[in-house]
Amino acid sequence: RIQADVNKRDLKEIAKILKEKFGAHLSMITCRDAGKEFEVIYHFDINGNLLNLKTLTSKAISKVPSIISIFPVADFYEREIMDLFGVKFEGHPKPRRFILPDNWPKNVYPLRKR
């Protein structure tokens, strides 16, 4: 397993390179509330090798770029993280609720630490 930290400004370009040049498959996206910031971790499989890319966003900003245009499977993962943590994925074409019911209170995120 390889792990690397990436600046969120570079995330889309790196994801594109991983797919086009290395045949990467997105396995999942996870999020961790690390106190004052969120860690958004992208889990890739490249020919049986695991690569985790971690990017950070402050809680005050809570935004990272969407990679759905590169990896369409990111749709469900990004929407799940939006629902549960409140991290917004800029450029997501349909950022609607995925897990939480439509009547869930605004700005209440079940996995966000206080």
PDB file of N, CA and C in Angstrom:
ATOM      1  N   ARG A   1       0.849  -1.181   0.000  1.00  0.00           N
ATOM      2  CA  ARG A   1       0.000   0.000   0.000  1.00  0.00           C
ATOM      3  C   ARG A   1       0.886   1.233   0.000  1.00  0.00           C
ATOM      4  N   ILE A   2       0.570   2.129  -0.918  1.00  0.00           N
ATOM      5  CA  ILE A   2       1.297   3.394  -1.004  1.00  0.00           C
ATOM      6  C   ILE A   2       0.355   4.498  -0.558  1.00  0.00           C
ATOM      7  N   GLN A   3       0.870   5.414   0.250  1.00  0.00           N
ATOM      8  CA  GLN A   3       0.077   6.545   0.710  1.00  0.00           C
ATOM      9  C   GLN A   3       0.793   7.831   0.357  1.00  0.00           C
ATOM     10  N   ALA A   4       0.020   8.814  -0.101  1.00  0.00           N
ATOM     11  CA  ALA A   4       0.612  10.096  -0.472  1.00  0.00           C
ATOM     12  C   ALA A   4      -0.355  11.218  -0.127  1.00  0.00           C
ATOM     13  N   ASP A   5       0.205  12.347   0.274  1.00  0.00           N
ATOM     14  CA  ASP A   5      -0.581  13.548   0.527  1.00  0.00           C
ATOM     15  C   ASP A   5      -0.556  14.408  -0.727  1.00  0.00           C
ATOM     16  N   VAL A   6      -1.712  14.961  -1.094  1.00  0.00           N
ATOM     17  CA  VAL A   6      -1.785  15.828  -2.265  1.00  0.00           C
ATOM     18  C   VAL A   6      -2.536  17.104  -1.903  1.00  0.00           C
ATOM     19  N   ASN A   7      -2.140  18.186  -2.539  1.00  0.00           N
ATOM     20  CA  ASN A   7      -2.852  19.439  -2.377  1.00  0.00           C
ATOM     21  C   ASN A   7      -4.166  19.325  -3.136  1.00  0.00           C
ATOM     22  N   LYS A   8      -5.243  19.792  -2.543  1.00  0.00           N
ATOM     23  CA  LYS A   8      -6.540  19.640  -3.205  1.00  0.00           C
ATOM     24  C   LYS A   8      -6.593  20.355  -4.554  1.00  0.00           C
ATOM     25  N   ARG A   9      -5.767  21.373  -4.752  1.00  0.00           N
ATOM     26  CA  ARG A   9      -5.715  22.054  -6.055  1.00  0.00           C
ATOM     27  C   ARG A   9      -5.193  21.122  -7.149  1.00  0.00           C
ATOM     28  N   ASP A  10      -4.406  20.121  -6.776  1.00  0.00           N
ATOM     29  CA  ASP A  10      -3.807  19.195  -7.744  1.00  0.00           C
ATOM     30  C   ASP A  10      -4.589  17.890  -7.897  1.00  0.00           C
ATOM     31  N   LEU A  11      -5.608  17.709  -7.103  1.00  0.00           N
ATOM     32  CA  LEU A  11      -6.303  16.425  -7.022  1.00  0.00           C
ATOM     33  C   LEU A  11      -6.863  15.951  -8.363  1.00  0.00           C
ATOM     34  N   LYS A  12      -7.583  16.801  -9.069  1.00  0.00           N
ATOM     35  CA  LYS A  12      -8.205  16.372 -10.328  1.00  0.00           C
ATOM     36  C   LYS A  12      -7.165  15.978 -11.368  1.00  0.00           C
ATOM     37  N   GLU A  13      -6.107  16.748 -11.465  1.00  0.00           N
ATOM     38  CA  GLU A  13      -5.061  16.436 -12.448  1.00  0.00           C
ATOM     39  C   GLU A  13      -4.379  15.112 -12.106  1.00  0.00           C
ATOM     40  N   ILE A  14      -4.116  14.889 -10.828  1.00  0.00           N
ATOM     41  CA  ILE A  14      -3.491  13.630 -10.407  1.00  0.00           C
ATOM     42  C   ILE A  14      -4.438  12.457 -10.676  1.00  0.00           C
ATOM     43  N   ALA A  15      -5.721  12.627 -10.370  1.00  0.00           N
ATOM     44  CA  ALA A  15      -6.695  11.562 -10.629  1.00  0.00           C
ATOM     45  C   ALA A  15      -6.752  11.233 -12.122  1.00  0.00           C
ATOM     46  N   LYS A  16      -6.706  12.252 -12.950  1.00  0.00           N
ATOM     47  CA  LYS A  16      -6.738  12.049 -14.402  1.00  0.00           C
ATOM     48  C   LYS A  16      -5.509  11.272 -14.877  1.00  0.00           C
ATOM     49  N   ILE A  17      -4.349  11.631 -14.366  1.00  0.00           N
ATOM     50  CA  ILE A  17      -3.108  10.927 -14.722  1.00  0.00           C
ATOM     51  C   ILE A  17      -3.167   9.469 -14.263  1.00  0.00           C
ATOM     52  N   LEU A  18      -3.639   9.251 -13.036  1.00  0.00           N
ATOM     53  CA  LEU A  18      -3.734   7.883 -12.518  1.00  0.00           C
ATOM     54  C   LEU A  18      -4.623   7.013 -13.409  1.00  0.00           C
ATOM     55  N   LYS A  19      -5.726   7.575 -13.869  1.00  0.00           N
ATOM     56  CA  LYS A  19      -6.637   6.794 -14.713  1.00  0.00           C
ATOM     57  C   LYS A  19      -6.066   6.585 -16.113  1.00  0.00           C
ATOM     58  N   GLU A  20      -5.609   7.673 -16.735  1.00  0.00           N
ATOM     59  CA  GLU A  20      -5.190   7.593 -18.135  1.00  0.00           C
ATOM     60  C   GLU A  20      -3.847   6.891 -18.338  1.00  0.00           C
ATOM     61  N   LYS A  21      -2.910   7.127 -17.465  1.00  0.00           N
ATOM     62  CA  LYS A  21      -1.560   6.571 -17.663  1.00  0.00           C
ATOM     63  C   LYS A  21      -1.327   5.255 -16.925  1.00  0.00           C
ATOM     64  N   PHE A  22      -2.064   5.044 -15.825  1.00  0.00           N
ATOM     65  CA  PHE A  22      -1.808   3.861 -15.005  1.00  0.00           C
ATOM     66  C   PHE A  22      -3.004   2.919 -14.891  1.00  0.00           C
ATOM     67  N   GLY A  23      -4.131   3.277 -15.495  1.00  0.00           N
ATOM     68  CA  GLY A  23      -5.303   2.408 -15.452  1.00  0.00           C
ATOM     69  C   GLY A  23      -5.898   2.251 -14.071  1.00  0.00           C
ATOM     70  N   ALA A  24      -5.787   3.278 -13.247  1.00  0.00           N
ATOM     71  CA  ALA A  24      -6.285   3.207 -11.869  1.00  0.00           C
ATOM     72  C   ALA A  24      -7.806   3.073 -11.840  1.00  0.00           C
ATOM     73  N   HIS A  25      -8.277   2.351 -10.830  1.00  0.00           N
ATOM     74  CA  HIS A  25      -9.699   2.225 -10.536  1.00  0.00           C
ATOM     75  C   HIS A  25      -9.932   2.817  -9.154  1.00  0.00           C
ATOM     76  N   LEU A  26     -10.943   3.663  -9.032  1.00  0.00           N
ATOM     77  CA  LEU A  26     -11.300   4.216  -7.727  1.00  0.00           C
ATOM     78  C   LEU A  26     -12.083   3.167  -6.954  1.00  0.00           C
ATOM     79  N   SER A  27     -11.554   2.758  -5.801  1.00  0.00           N
ATOM     80  CA  SER A  27     -12.222   1.757  -4.972  1.00  0.00           C
ATOM     81  C   SER A  27     -13.230   2.394  -4.032  1.00  0.00           C
ATOM     82  N   MET A  28     -12.852   3.521  -3.432  1.00  0.00           N
ATOM     83  CA  MET A  28     -13.740   4.233  -2.517  1.00  0.00           C
ATOM     84  C   MET A  28     -13.111   5.568  -2.148  1.00  0.00           C
ATOM     85  N   ILE A  29     -13.916   6.411  -1.534  1.00  0.00           N
ATOM     86  CA  ILE A  29     -13.447   7.666  -0.953  1.00  0.00           C
ATOM     87  C   ILE A  29     -13.922   7.655   0.488  1.00  0.00           C
ATOM     88  N   THR A  30     -13.019   7.962   1.409  1.00  0.00           N
ATOM     89  CA  THR A  30     -13.394   8.038   2.814  1.00  0.00           C
ATOM     90  C   THR A  30     -13.057   9.423   3.346  1.00  0.00           C
ATOM     91  N   CYS A  31     -13.637   9.728   4.488  1.00  0.00           N
ATOM     92  CA  CYS A  31     -13.396  11.025   5.114  1.00  0.00           C
ATOM     93  C   CYS A  31     -13.175  10.809   6.604  1.00  0.00           C
ATOM     94  N   ARG A  32     -12.316  11.632   7.164  1.00  0.00           N
ATOM     95  CA  ARG A  32     -12.051  11.575   8.603  1.00  0.00           C
ATOM     96  C   ARG A  32     -12.065  12.990   9.149  1.00  0.00           C
ATOM     97  N   ASP A  33     -12.810  13.179  10.209  1.00  0.00           N
ATOM     98  CA  ASP A  33     -12.825  14.459  10.903  1.00  0.00           C
ATOM     99  C   ASP A  33     -11.606  14.487  11.805  1.00  0.00           C
ATOM    100  N   ALA A  34     -10.645  15.335  11.463  1.00  0.00           N
ATOM    101  CA  ALA A  34      -9.381  15.400  12.206  1.00  0.00           C
ATOM    102  C   ALA A  34      -9.323  16.640  13.103  1.00  0.00           C
ATOM    103  N   GLY A  35     -10.456  17.089  13.577  1.00  0.00           N
ATOM    104  CA  GLY A  35     -10.473  18.243  14.472  1.00  0.00           C
ATOM    105  C   GLY A  35     -10.786  19.525  13.732  1.00  0.00           C
ATOM    106  N   LYS A  36      -9.749  20.260  13.340  1.00  0.00           N
ATOM    107  CA  LYS A  36      -9.957  21.533  12.640  1.00  0.00           C
ATOM    108  C   LYS A  36     -10.027  21.370  11.126  1.00  0.00           C
ATOM    109  N   GLU A  37      -9.805  20.147  10.666  1.00  0.00           N
ATOM    110  CA  GLU A  37      -9.839  19.905   9.226  1.00  0.00           C
ATOM    111  C   GLU A  37     -10.392  18.512   8.945  1.00  0.00           C
ATOM    112  N   PHE A  38     -10.717  18.304   7.693  1.00  0.00           N
ATOM    113  CA  PHE A  38     -11.143  16.994   7.223  1.00  0.00           C
ATOM    114  C   PHE A  38     -10.047  16.400   6.361  1.00  0.00           C
ATOM    115  N   GLU A  39      -9.845  15.105   6.517  1.00  0.00           N
ATOM    116  CA  GLU A  39      -8.978  14.346   5.615  1.00  0.00           C
ATOM    117  C   GLU A  39      -9.900  13.591   4.661  1.00  0.00           C
ATOM    118  N   VAL A  40      -9.762  13.860   3.384  1.00  0.00           N
ATOM    119  CA  VAL A  40     -10.523  13.128   2.375  1.00  0.00           C
ATOM    120  C   VAL A  40      -9.520  12.211   1.692  1.00  0.00           C
ATOM    121  N   ILE A  41      -9.791  10.906   1.762  1.00  0.00           N
ATOM    122  CA  ILE A  41      -8.830   9.908   1.295  1.00  0.00           C
ATOM    123  C   ILE A  41      -9.437   9.139   0.120  1.00  0.00           C
ATOM    124  N   TYR A  42      -8.695   9.133  -0.974  1.00  0.00           N
ATOM    125  CA  TYR A  42      -9.106   8.465  -2.207  1.00  0.00           C
ATOM    126  C   TYR A  42      -8.332   7.159  -2.301  1.00  0.00           C
ATOM    127  N   HIS A  43      -9.054   6.049  -2.386  1.00  0.00           N
ATOM    128  CA  HIS A  43      -8.455   4.718  -2.417  1.00  0.00           C
ATOM    129  C   HIS A  43      -8.513   4.192  -3.851  1.00  0.00           C
ATOM    130  N   PHE A  44      -7.342   3.960  -4.427  1.00  0.00           N
ATOM    131  CA  PHE A  44      -7.239   3.490  -5.806  1.00  0.00           C
ATOM    132  C   PHE A  44      -6.611   2.108  -5.852  1.00  0.00           C
ATOM    133  N   ASP A  45      -7.020   1.332  -6.852  1.00  0.00           N
ATOM    134  CA  ASP A  45      -6.378   0.062  -7.177  1.00  0.00           C
ATOM    135  C   ASP A  45      -5.702   0.247  -8.529  1.00  0.00           C
ATOM    136  N   ILE A  46      -4.401  -0.026  -8.566  1.00  0.00           N
ATOM    137  CA  ILE A  46      -3.644   0.045  -9.816  1.00  0.00           C
ATOM    138  C   ILE A  46      -2.975  -1.310 -10.011  1.00  0.00           C
ATOM    139  N   ASN A  47      -3.579  -2.135 -10.841  1.00  0.00           N
ATOM    140  CA  ASN A  47      -3.049  -3.478 -11.113  1.00  0.00           C
ATOM    141  C   ASN A  47      -2.778  -4.270  -9.840  1.00  0.00           C
ATOM    142  N   GLY A  48      -3.711  -4.223  -8.908  1.00  0.00           N
ATOM    143  CA  GLY A  48      -3.574  -4.967  -7.664  1.00  0.00           C
ATOM    144  C   GLY A  48      -2.791  -4.263  -6.580  1.00  0.00           C
ATOM    145  N   ASN A  49      -2.249  -3.111  -6.871  1.00  0.00           N
ATOM    146  CA  ASN A  49      -1.535  -2.312  -5.865  1.00  0.00           C
ATOM    147  C   ASN A  49      -2.464  -1.219  -5.351  1.00  0.00           C
ATOM    148  N   LEU A  50      -2.419  -0.981  -4.057  1.00  0.00           N
ATOM    149  CA  LEU A  50      -3.298   0.006  -3.450  1.00  0.00           C
ATOM    150  C   LEU A  50      -2.581   1.332  -3.278  1.00  0.00           C
ATOM    151  N   LEU A  51      -3.259   2.398  -3.670  1.00  0.00           N
ATOM    152  CA  LEU A  51      -2.738   3.752  -3.525  1.00  0.00           C
ATOM    153  C   LEU A  51      -3.787   4.584  -2.811  1.00  0.00           C
ATOM    154  N   ASN A  52      -3.397   5.214  -1.719  1.00  0.00           N
ATOM    155  CA  ASN A  52      -4.274   6.122  -0.988  1.00  0.00           C
ATOM    156  C   ASN A  52      -3.753   7.536  -1.148  1.00  0.00           C
ATOM    157  N   LEU A  53      -4.584   8.412  -1.693  1.00  0.00           N
ATOM    158  CA  LEU A  53      -4.238   9.825  -1.795  1.00  0.00           C
ATOM    159  C   LEU A  53      -5.061  10.582  -0.764  1.00  0.00           C
ATOM    160  N   LYS A  54      -4.374  11.351   0.063  1.00  0.00           N
ATOM    161  CA  LYS A  54      -5.065  12.116   1.103  1.00  0.00           C
ATOM    162  C   LYS A  54      -4.946  13.597   0.806  1.00  0.00           C
ATOM    163  N   THR A  55      -6.072  14.284   0.884  1.00  0.00           N
ATOM    164  CA  THR A  55      -6.068  15.735   0.766  1.00  0.00           C
ATOM    165  C   THR A  55      -6.803  16.308   1.970  1.00  0.00           C
ATOM    166  N   LEU A  56      -6.488  17.533   2.307  1.00  0.00           N
ATOM    167  CA  LEU A  56      -7.059  18.178   3.488  1.00  0.00           C
ATOM    168  C   LEU A  56      -7.901  19.378   3.088  1.00  0.00           C
ATOM    169  N   THR A  57      -8.923  19.637   3.891  1.00  0.00           N
ATOM    170  CA  THR A  57      -9.680  20.878   3.777  1.00  0.00           C
ATOM    171  C   THR A  57     -10.063  21.314   5.181  1.00  0.00           C
ATOM    172  N   SER A  58      -9.962  22.591   5.432  1.00  0.00           N
ATOM    173  CA  SER A  58     -10.319  23.088   6.762  1.00  0.00           C
ATOM    174  C   SER A  58     -11.828  22.977   6.949  1.00  0.00           C
ATOM    175  N   LYS A  59     -12.248  22.884   8.203  1.00  0.00           N
ATOM    176  CA  LYS A  59     -13.683  22.835   8.469  1.00  0.00           C
ATOM    177  C   LYS A  59     -14.354  24.136   8.049  1.00  0.00           C
ATOM    178  N   ALA A  60     -13.625  25.237   8.151  1.00  0.00           N
ATOM    179  CA  ALA A  60     -14.194  26.529   7.772  1.00  0.00           C
ATOM    180  C   ALA A  60     -14.524  26.573   6.283  1.00  0.00           C
ATOM    181  N   ILE A  61     -13.728  25.906   5.466  1.00  0.00           N
ATOM    182  CA  ILE A  61     -13.947  25.904   4.014  1.00  0.00           C
ATOM    183  C   ILE A  61     -14.752  24.668   3.601  1.00  0.00           C
ATOM    184  N   SER A  62     -14.347  23.508   4.047  1.00  0.00           N
ATOM    185  CA  SER A  62     -15.036  22.228   3.790  1.00  0.00           C
ATOM    186  C   SER A  62     -15.352  21.995   2.318  1.00  0.00           C
ATOM    187  N   LYS A  63     -14.374  22.243   1.445  1.00  0.00           N
ATOM    188  CA  LYS A  63     -14.574  22.022   0.012  1.00  0.00           C
ATOM    189  C   LYS A  63     -13.356  21.346  -0.599  1.00  0.00           C
ATOM    190  N   VAL A  64     -13.627  20.398  -1.482  1.00  0.00           N
ATOM    191  CA  VAL A  64     -12.590  19.778  -2.310  1.00  0.00           C
ATOM    192  C   VAL A  64     -13.180  19.619  -3.716  1.00  0.00           C
ATOM    193  N   PRO A  65     -12.340  19.506  -4.728  1.00  0.00           N
ATOM    194  CA  PRO A  65     -12.886  19.333  -6.077  1.00  0.00           C
ATOM    195  C   PRO A  65     -13.495  17.947  -6.271  1.00  0.00           C
ATOM    196  N   SER A  66     -14.569  17.901  -7.026  1.00  0.00           N
ATOM    197  CA  SER A  66     -15.176  16.623  -7.381  1.00  0.00           C
ATOM    198  C   SER A  66     -14.331  15.955  -8.461  1.00  0.00           C
ATOM    199  N   ILE A  67     -14.230  14.633  -8.382  1.00  0.00           N
ATOM    200  CA  ILE A  67     -13.535  13.887  -9.439  1.00  0.00           C
ATOM    201  C   ILE A  67     -14.517  13.036 -10.251  1.00  0.00           C
ATOM    202  N   ILE A  68     -15.791  13.353 -10.145  1.00  0.00           N
ATOM    203  CA  ILE A  68     -16.815  12.565 -10.833  1.00  0.00           C
ATOM    204  C   ILE A  68     -16.647  12.596 -12.354  1.00  0.00           C
ATOM    205  N   SER A  69     -16.087  13.675 -12.889  1.00  0.00           N
ATOM    206  CA  SER A  69     -15.891  13.745 -14.343  1.00  0.00           C
ATOM    207  C   SER A  69     -14.811  12.772 -14.818  1.00  0.00           C
ATOM    208  N   ILE A  70     -13.944  12.352 -13.914  1.00  0.00           N
ATOM    209  CA  ILE A  70     -12.869  11.408 -14.235  1.00  0.00           C
ATOM    210  C   ILE A  70     -13.267   9.991 -13.832  1.00  0.00           C
ATOM    211  N   PHE A  71     -13.817   9.880 -12.632  1.00  0.00           N
ATOM    212  CA  PHE A  71     -14.274   8.597 -12.100  1.00  0.00           C
ATOM    213  C   PHE A  71     -15.759   8.728 -11.753  1.00  0.00           C
ATOM    214  N   PRO A  72     -16.668   8.366 -12.661  1.00  0.00           N
ATOM    215  CA  PRO A  72     -18.097   8.501 -12.377  1.00  0.00           C
ATOM    216  C   PRO A  72     -18.550   7.781 -11.105  1.00  0.00           C
ATOM    217  N   VAL A  73     -17.862   6.707 -10.729  1.00  0.00           N
ATOM    218  CA  VAL A  73     -18.213   5.974  -9.518  1.00  0.00           C
ATOM    219  C   VAL A  73     -18.057   6.844  -8.267  1.00  0.00           C
ATOM    220  N   ALA A  74     -17.352   7.949  -8.366  1.00  0.00           N
ATOM    221  CA  ALA A  74     -17.169   8.857  -7.225  1.00  0.00           C
ATOM    222  C   ALA A  74     -18.487   9.485  -6.780  1.00  0.00           C
ATOM    223  N   ASP A  75     -19.498   9.445  -7.625  1.00  0.00           N
ATOM    224  CA  ASP A  75     -20.789  10.073  -7.321  1.00  0.00           C
ATOM    225  C   ASP A  75     -21.305   9.684  -5.943  1.00  0.00           C
ATOM    226  N   PHE A  76     -21.474   8.405  -5.695  1.00  0.00           N
ATOM    227  CA  PHE A  76     -22.054   7.958  -4.431  1.00  0.00           C
ATOM    228  C   PHE A  76     -21.155   8.281  -3.244  1.00  0.00           C
ATOM    229  N   TYR A  77     -19.855   8.103  -3.407  1.00  0.00           N
ATOM    230  CA  TYR A  77     -18.928   8.380  -2.308  1.00  0.00           C
ATOM    231  C   TYR A  77     -18.937   9.859  -1.943  1.00  0.00           C
ATOM    232  N   GLU A  78     -18.908  10.725  -2.958  1.00  0.00           N
ATOM    233  CA  GLU A  78     -18.908  12.165  -2.692  1.00  0.00           C
ATOM    234  C   GLU A  78     -20.207  12.596  -2.022  1.00  0.00           C
ATOM    235  N   ARG A  79     -21.328  12.093  -2.495  1.00  0.00           N
ATOM    236  CA  ARG A  79     -22.617  12.464  -1.897  1.00  0.00           C
ATOM    237  C   ARG A  79     -22.753  11.920  -0.476  1.00  0.00           C
ATOM    238  N   GLU A  80     -22.217  10.742  -0.225  1.00  0.00           N
ATOM    239  CA  GLU A  80     -22.244  10.189   1.131  1.00  0.00           C
ATOM    240  C   GLU A  80     -21.448  11.083   2.082  1.00  0.00           C
ATOM    241  N   ILE A  81     -20.272  11.514   1.664  1.00  0.00           N
ATOM    242  CA  ILE A  81     -19.433  12.382   2.497  1.00  0.00           C
ATOM    243  C   ILE A  81     -20.097  13.743   2.684  1.00  0.00           C
ATOM    244  N   MET A  82     -20.760  14.253   1.644  1.00  0.00           N
ATOM    245  CA  MET A  82     -21.501  15.515   1.786  1.00  0.00           C
ATOM    246  C   MET A  82     -22.570  15.379   2.862  1.00  0.00           C
ATOM    247  N   ASP A  83     -23.322  14.288   2.832  1.00  0.00           N
ATOM    248  CA  ASP A  83     -24.384  14.063   3.816  1.00  0.00           C
ATOM    249  C   ASP A  83     -23.847  13.918   5.232  1.00  0.00           C
ATOM    250  N   LEU A  84     -22.830  13.104   5.396  1.00  0.00           N
ATOM    251  CA  LEU A  84     -22.397  12.718   6.740  1.00  0.00           C
ATOM    252  C   LEU A  84     -21.398  13.668   7.388  1.00  0.00           C
ATOM    253  N   PHE A  85     -20.599  14.377   6.574  1.00  0.00           N
ATOM    254  CA  PHE A  85     -19.581  15.277   7.118  1.00  0.00           C
ATOM    255  C   PHE A  85     -19.793  16.743   6.748  1.00  0.00           C
ATOM    256  N   GLY A  86     -20.542  17.013   5.695  1.00  0.00           N
ATOM    257  CA  GLY A  86     -20.734  18.385   5.246  1.00  0.00           C
ATOM    258  C   GLY A  86     -19.636  18.911   4.347  1.00  0.00           C
ATOM    259  N   VAL A  87     -18.766  18.041   3.858  1.00  0.00           N
ATOM    260  CA  VAL A  87     -17.727  18.453   2.911  1.00  0.00           C
ATOM    261  C   VAL A  87     -18.390  18.590   1.540  1.00  0.00           C
ATOM    262  N   LYS A  88     -18.185  19.725   0.898  1.00  0.00           N
ATOM    263  CA  LYS A  88     -18.751  19.974  -0.432  1.00  0.00           C
ATOM    264  C   LYS A  88     -17.736  19.588  -1.503  1.00  0.00           C
ATOM    265  N   PHE A  89     -18.223  19.000  -2.578  1.00  0.00           N
ATOM    266  CA  PHE A  89     -17.374  18.607  -3.700  1.00  0.00           C
ATOM    267  C   PHE A  89     -17.673  19.547  -4.862  1.00  0.00           C
ATOM    268  N   GLU A  90     -16.780  20.499  -5.060  1.00  0.00           N
ATOM    269  CA  GLU A  90     -16.980  21.521  -6.081  1.00  0.00           C
ATOM    270  C   GLU A  90     -17.004  20.906  -7.472  1.00  0.00           C
ATOM    271  N   GLY A  91     -18.032  21.254  -8.237  1.00  0.00           N
ATOM    272  CA  GLY A  91     -18.166  20.724  -9.582  1.00  0.00           C
ATOM    273  C   GLY A  91     -19.010  19.464  -9.667  1.00  0.00           C
ATOM    274  N   HIS A  92     -19.515  18.979  -8.533  1.00  0.00           N
ATOM    275  CA  HIS A  92     -20.381  17.799  -8.573  1.00  0.00           C
ATOM    276  C   HIS A  92     -21.681  18.199  -9.275  1.00  0.00           C
ATOM    277  N   PRO A  93     -22.097  17.446 -10.309  1.00  0.00           N
ATOM    278  CA  PRO A  93     -23.258  17.864 -11.096  1.00  0.00           C
ATOM    279  C   PRO A  93     -24.608  17.763 -10.376  1.00  0.00           C
ATOM    280  N   LYS A  94     -24.717  16.882  -9.395  1.00  0.00           N
ATOM    281  CA  LYS A  94     -26.000  16.694  -8.698  1.00  0.00           C
ATOM    282  C   LYS A  94     -25.753  16.506  -7.201  1.00  0.00           C
ATOM    283  N   PRO A  95     -25.403  17.564  -6.505  1.00  0.00           N
ATOM    284  CA  PRO A  95     -25.054  17.413  -5.081  1.00  0.00           C
ATOM    285  C   PRO A  95     -26.278  17.315  -4.171  1.00  0.00           C
ATOM    286  N   ARG A  96     -27.126  16.346  -4.441  1.00  0.00           N
ATOM    287  CA  ARG A  96     -28.316  16.177  -3.607  1.00  0.00           C
ATOM    288  C   ARG A  96     -28.066  15.090  -2.562  1.00  0.00           C
ATOM    289  N   ARG A  97     -28.975  15.027  -1.608  1.00  0.00           N
ATOM    290  CA  ARG A  97     -28.840  14.041  -0.525  1.00  0.00           C
ATOM    291  C   ARG A  97     -28.733  12.624  -1.094  1.00  0.00           C
ATOM    292  N   PHE A  98     -28.011  11.796  -0.325  1.00  0.00           N
ATOM    293  CA  PHE A  98     -27.823  10.412  -0.745  1.00  0.00           C
ATOM    294  C   PHE A  98     -28.266   9.440   0.339  1.00  0.00           C
ATOM    295  N   ILE A  99     -27.832   9.690   1.569  1.00  0.00           N
ATOM    296  CA  ILE A  99     -28.132   8.781   2.672  1.00  0.00           C
ATOM    297  C   ILE A  99     -29.213   9.347   3.586  1.00  0.00           C
ATOM    298  N   LEU A 100     -29.066  10.613   3.935  1.00  0.00           N
ATOM    299  CA  LEU A 100     -29.991  11.223   4.887  1.00  0.00           C
ATOM    300  C   LEU A 100     -31.326  11.543   4.211  1.00  0.00           C
ATOM    301  N   PRO A 101     -32.418  11.490   4.976  1.00  0.00           N
ATOM    302  CA  PRO A 101     -33.721  11.810   4.391  1.00  0.00           C
ATOM    303  C   PRO A 101     -33.814  13.296   4.025  1.00  0.00           C
ATOM    304  N   ASP A 102     -34.711  13.609   3.113  1.00  0.00           N
ATOM    305  CA  ASP A 102     -34.861  14.989   2.647  1.00  0.00           C
ATOM    306  C   ASP A 102     -35.241  15.953   3.764  1.00  0.00           C
ATOM    307  N   ASN A 103     -35.914  15.464   4.795  1.00  0.00           N
ATOM    308  CA  ASN A 103     -36.327  16.346   5.888  1.00  0.00           C
ATOM    309  C   ASN A 103     -35.273  16.463   7.001  1.00  0.00           C
ATOM    310  N   TRP A 104     -34.078  15.941   6.768  1.00  0.00           N
ATOM    311  CA  TRP A 104     -32.990  16.050   7.754  1.00  0.00           C
ATOM    312  C   TRP A 104     -32.643  17.532   7.942  1.00  0.00           C
ATOM    313  N   PRO A 105     -32.367  17.976   9.175  1.00  0.00           N
ATOM    314  CA  PRO A 105     -32.064  19.398   9.405  1.00  0.00           C
ATOM    315  C   PRO A 105     -30.832  19.863   8.628  1.00  0.00           C
ATOM    316  N   LYS A 106     -30.903  21.088   8.106  1.00  0.00           N
ATOM    317  CA  LYS A 106     -29.763  21.664   7.384  1.00  0.00           C
ATOM    318  C   LYS A 106     -28.594  21.871   8.330  1.00  0.00           C
ATOM    319  N   ASN A 107     -27.397  21.694   7.799  1.00  0.00           N
ATOM    320  CA  ASN A 107     -26.146  21.921   8.533  1.00  0.00           C
ATOM    321  C   ASN A 107     -25.983  21.041   9.769  1.00  0.00           C
ATOM    322  N   VAL A 108     -26.623  19.886   9.770  1.00  0.00           N
ATOM    323  CA  VAL A 108     -26.430  18.887  10.825  1.00  0.00           C
ATOM    324  C   VAL A 108     -25.833  17.659  10.139  1.00  0.00           C
ATOM    325  N   TYR A 109     -24.592  17.336  10.526  1.00  0.00           N
ATOM    326  CA  TYR A 109     -23.849  16.259   9.867  1.00  0.00           C
ATOM    327  C   TYR A 109     -23.486  15.199  10.909  1.00  0.00           C
ATOM    328  N   PRO A 110     -24.052  14.001  10.808  1.00  0.00           N
ATOM    329  CA  PRO A 110     -23.921  12.992  11.857  1.00  0.00           C
ATOM    330  C   PRO A 110     -22.499  12.562  12.202  1.00  0.00           C
ATOM    331  N   LEU A 111     -21.559  12.606  11.265  1.00  0.00           N
ATOM    332  CA  LEU A 111     -20.203  12.143  11.566  1.00  0.00           C
ATOM    333  C   LEU A 111     -19.214  13.281  11.807  1.00  0.00           C
ATOM    334  N   ARG A 112     -19.699  14.501  11.828  1.00  0.00           N
ATOM    335  CA  ARG A 112     -18.831  15.651  12.098  1.00  0.00           C
ATOM    336  C   ARG A 112     -18.693  15.816  13.610  1.00  0.00           C
ATOM    337  N   LYS A 113     -17.437  15.900  14.056  1.00  0.00           N
ATOM    338  CA  LYS A 113     -17.194  16.142  15.480  1.00  0.00           C
ATOM    339  C   LYS A 113     -17.544  17.586  15.796  1.00  0.00           C
ATOM    340  N   ARG A 114     -17.913  17.811  17.019  1.00  0.00           N
ATOM    341  CA  ARG A 114     -18.285  19.184  17.425  1.00  0.00           C
ATOM    342  C   ARG A 114     -17.085  19.996  17.783  1.00  0.00           C
TER     343      ARG A 114
END
